[in-house]
């Protein structure tokens, strides 16, 4: 019998999520990881709200229909939507980033993938490792 692979749950910070969807290069390889089920990205109402807010920024020039299509085609089929059961407050220098830690802790995600210095400087919170895109991709090279 084949060895059962462990499901790796990850929380993607908003910049990583947006960059993986809209830009080419290494960060776009994350989409392949979630589309093939190698990782399961986890999103909460709070992190989802930030994501949709960023999508509506003028620099992206997306219509409401385009935003809905991104969510329907790229997010909902692949992401695990979770409720926050453990709220983290004041852990990160930028307290706005605590929502990503809360999401990861609430679902026992192993990793937060971020390029944000405030998050990355933490390195770890409880059992959650905070890594960058390169570290994530190296895990599957």
Protein backbone atom coordinates (compact mmCIF):
# COMPACT_ATOMS: atom_id res chain seq x y z
CA UNK A 1 0.00 0.00 0.00
CA UNK A 2 1.17 3.53 -0.71
CA UNK A 3 2.11 5.92 2.02
CA UNK A 4 -0.62 8.40 2.82
CA UNK A 5 0.62 11.96 2.43
CA UNK A 6 -0.05 14.40 5.21
CA UNK A 7 -2.27 17.29 4.22
CA UNK A 8 -0.44 20.55 4.68
CA UNK A 9 -2.69 23.42 5.64
CA UNK A 10 -1.30 26.90 5.05
CA UNK A 11 -2.49 30.43 5.61
CA UNK A 12 -1.43 32.78 2.84
CA UNK A 13 -1.16 36.41 3.80
CA UNK A 14 -3.03 38.77 1.50
CA UNK A 15 0.02 39.96 -0.44
CA UNK A 16 1.13 36.39 -1.15
CA UNK A 17 -2.38 35.38 -2.19
CA UNK A 18 -2.86 38.34 -4.51
CA UNK A 19 0.65 38.03 -5.97
CA UNK A 20 0.21 34.30 -6.62
CA UNK A 21 -2.96 35.00 -8.61
CA UNK A 22 -1.82 38.05 -10.58
CA UNK A 23 1.93 37.85 -11.09
CA UNK A 24 4.23 35.43 -12.84
CA UNK A 25 7.33 34.00 -11.30
CA UNK A 26 7.99 31.89 -8.26
CA UNK A 27 5.03 33.10 -6.25
CA UNK A 28 2.59 31.95 -8.97
CA UNK A 29 3.71 28.34 -8.37
CA UNK A 30 1.68 28.42 -5.16
CA UNK A 31 -1.48 28.27 -7.28
CA UNK A 32 -0.31 24.93 -8.73
CA UNK A 33 0.23 23.63 -5.18
CA UNK A 34 -3.34 24.37 -4.15
CA UNK A 35 -4.94 23.36 -7.45
CA UNK A 36 -3.25 19.94 -7.25
CA UNK A 37 -4.14 19.47 -3.58
CA UNK A 38 -0.54 19.47 -2.37
CA UNK A 39 -1.44 22.24 0.04
CA UNK A 40 -4.79 23.31 1.41
CA UNK A 41 -4.94 27.05 1.86
CA UNK A 42 -7.04 28.14 4.82
CA UNK A 43 -8.99 31.37 4.91
CA UNK A 44 -11.18 32.95 7.57
CA UNK A 45 -13.87 35.61 7.25
CA UNK A 46 -11.35 38.19 8.47
CA UNK A 47 -8.61 37.24 6.02
CA UNK A 48 -11.16 36.85 3.21
CA UNK A 49 -12.52 40.34 3.87
CA UNK A 50 -9.03 41.81 3.58
CA UNK A 51 -8.44 39.86 0.35
CA UNK A 52 -11.65 41.13 -1.27
CA UNK A 53 -10.90 44.67 -0.14
CA UNK A 54 -7.48 44.52 -1.81
CA UNK A 55 -8.99 43.12 -5.02
CA UNK A 56 -11.15 46.22 -5.25
CA UNK A 57 -8.15 48.58 -5.17
CA UNK A 58 -8.09 50.83 -8.27
CA UNK A 59 -4.62 49.58 -9.27
CA UNK A 60 -6.14 46.20 -10.19
CA UNK A 61 -9.00 47.71 -12.23
CA UNK A 62 -11.24 44.72 -11.54
CA UNK A 63 -14.98 44.86 -11.96
CA UNK A 64 -17.31 43.29 -9.38
CA UNK A 65 -17.92 40.46 -11.86
CA UNK A 66 -14.18 39.82 -12.25
CA UNK A 67 -13.70 39.76 -8.48
CA UNK A 68 -16.61 37.32 -8.15
CA UNK A 69 -15.07 35.11 -10.87
CA UNK A 70 -11.69 35.06 -9.08
CA UNK A 71 -13.37 34.04 -5.85
CA UNK A 72 -15.63 31.44 -7.52
CA UNK A 73 -12.89 29.94 -9.73
CA UNK A 74 -9.68 30.28 -7.74
CA UNK A 75 -10.61 30.49 -4.07
CA UNK A 76 -13.82 28.66 -3.12
CA UNK A 77 -13.05 25.34 -4.86
CA UNK A 78 -9.64 25.01 -3.20
CA UNK A 79 -9.59 26.91 0.09
CA UNK A 80 -10.82 25.64 3.42
CA UNK A 81 -13.00 28.31 5.00
CA UNK A 82 -12.69 28.31 8.78
CA UNK A 83 -14.16 30.03 11.79
CA UNK A 84 -11.79 31.71 14.19
CA UNK A 85 -11.92 29.75 17.43
CA UNK A 86 -8.78 31.20 19.01
CA UNK A 87 -8.30 34.94 18.66
CA UNK A 88 -4.74 36.20 18.82
CA UNK A 89 -4.28 39.81 19.84
CA UNK A 90 -1.10 41.85 20.08
CA UNK A 91 1.27 39.08 19.00
CA UNK A 92 2.52 40.74 15.83
CA UNK A 93 4.11 44.21 15.76
CA UNK A 94 1.47 45.11 13.19
CA UNK A 95 -1.66 44.00 15.01
CA UNK A 96 -3.55 43.96 11.69
CA UNK A 97 -1.54 40.80 10.92
CA UNK A 98 -2.81 38.98 14.01
CA UNK A 99 -5.80 37.78 11.96
CA UNK A 100 -3.47 35.49 9.96
CA UNK A 101 -2.07 34.00 13.15
CA UNK A 102 -5.60 33.56 14.53
CA UNK A 103 -6.62 31.78 11.33
CA UNK A 104 -3.63 29.43 11.44
CA UNK A 105 -3.98 28.60 15.14
CA UNK A 106 -7.74 28.06 14.87
CA UNK A 107 -7.33 25.41 12.19
CA UNK A 108 -4.01 23.88 13.24
CA UNK A 109 -2.40 25.06 10.01
CA UNK A 110 1.27 24.25 9.98
CA UNK A 111 2.39 27.38 8.17
CA UNK A 112 1.72 31.00 7.42
CA UNK A 113 3.30 32.04 4.13
CA UNK A 114 4.20 35.69 4.11
CA UNK A 115 6.60 38.27 2.80
CA UNK A 116 5.58 40.70 5.52
CA UNK A 117 8.53 41.60 7.74
CA UNK A 118 6.39 41.92 10.87
CA UNK A 119 5.05 38.38 10.44
CA UNK A 120 8.29 36.83 9.20
CA UNK A 121 10.28 38.26 12.10
CA UNK A 122 8.10 36.21 14.46
CA UNK A 123 9.26 33.03 12.74
CA UNK A 124 6.83 30.93 14.75
CA UNK A 125 3.79 31.22 16.97
CA UNK A 126 2.94 28.15 19.00
CA UNK A 127 3.06 25.28 16.48
CA UNK A 128 2.70 27.52 13.41
CA UNK A 129 5.83 28.28 11.40
CA UNK A 130 5.90 31.57 9.52
CA UNK A 131 7.80 31.12 6.27
CA UNK A 132 8.36 32.91 2.98
CA UNK A 133 7.44 31.73 -0.52
CA UNK A 134 10.91 30.30 -1.20
CA UNK A 135 10.74 28.16 1.94
CA UNK A 136 7.31 26.84 0.95
CA UNK A 137 8.40 25.97 -2.57
CA UNK A 138 11.57 24.25 -1.32
CA UNK A 139 9.37 21.87 0.68
CA UNK A 140 8.00 20.50 -2.61
CA UNK A 141 11.04 20.76 -4.89
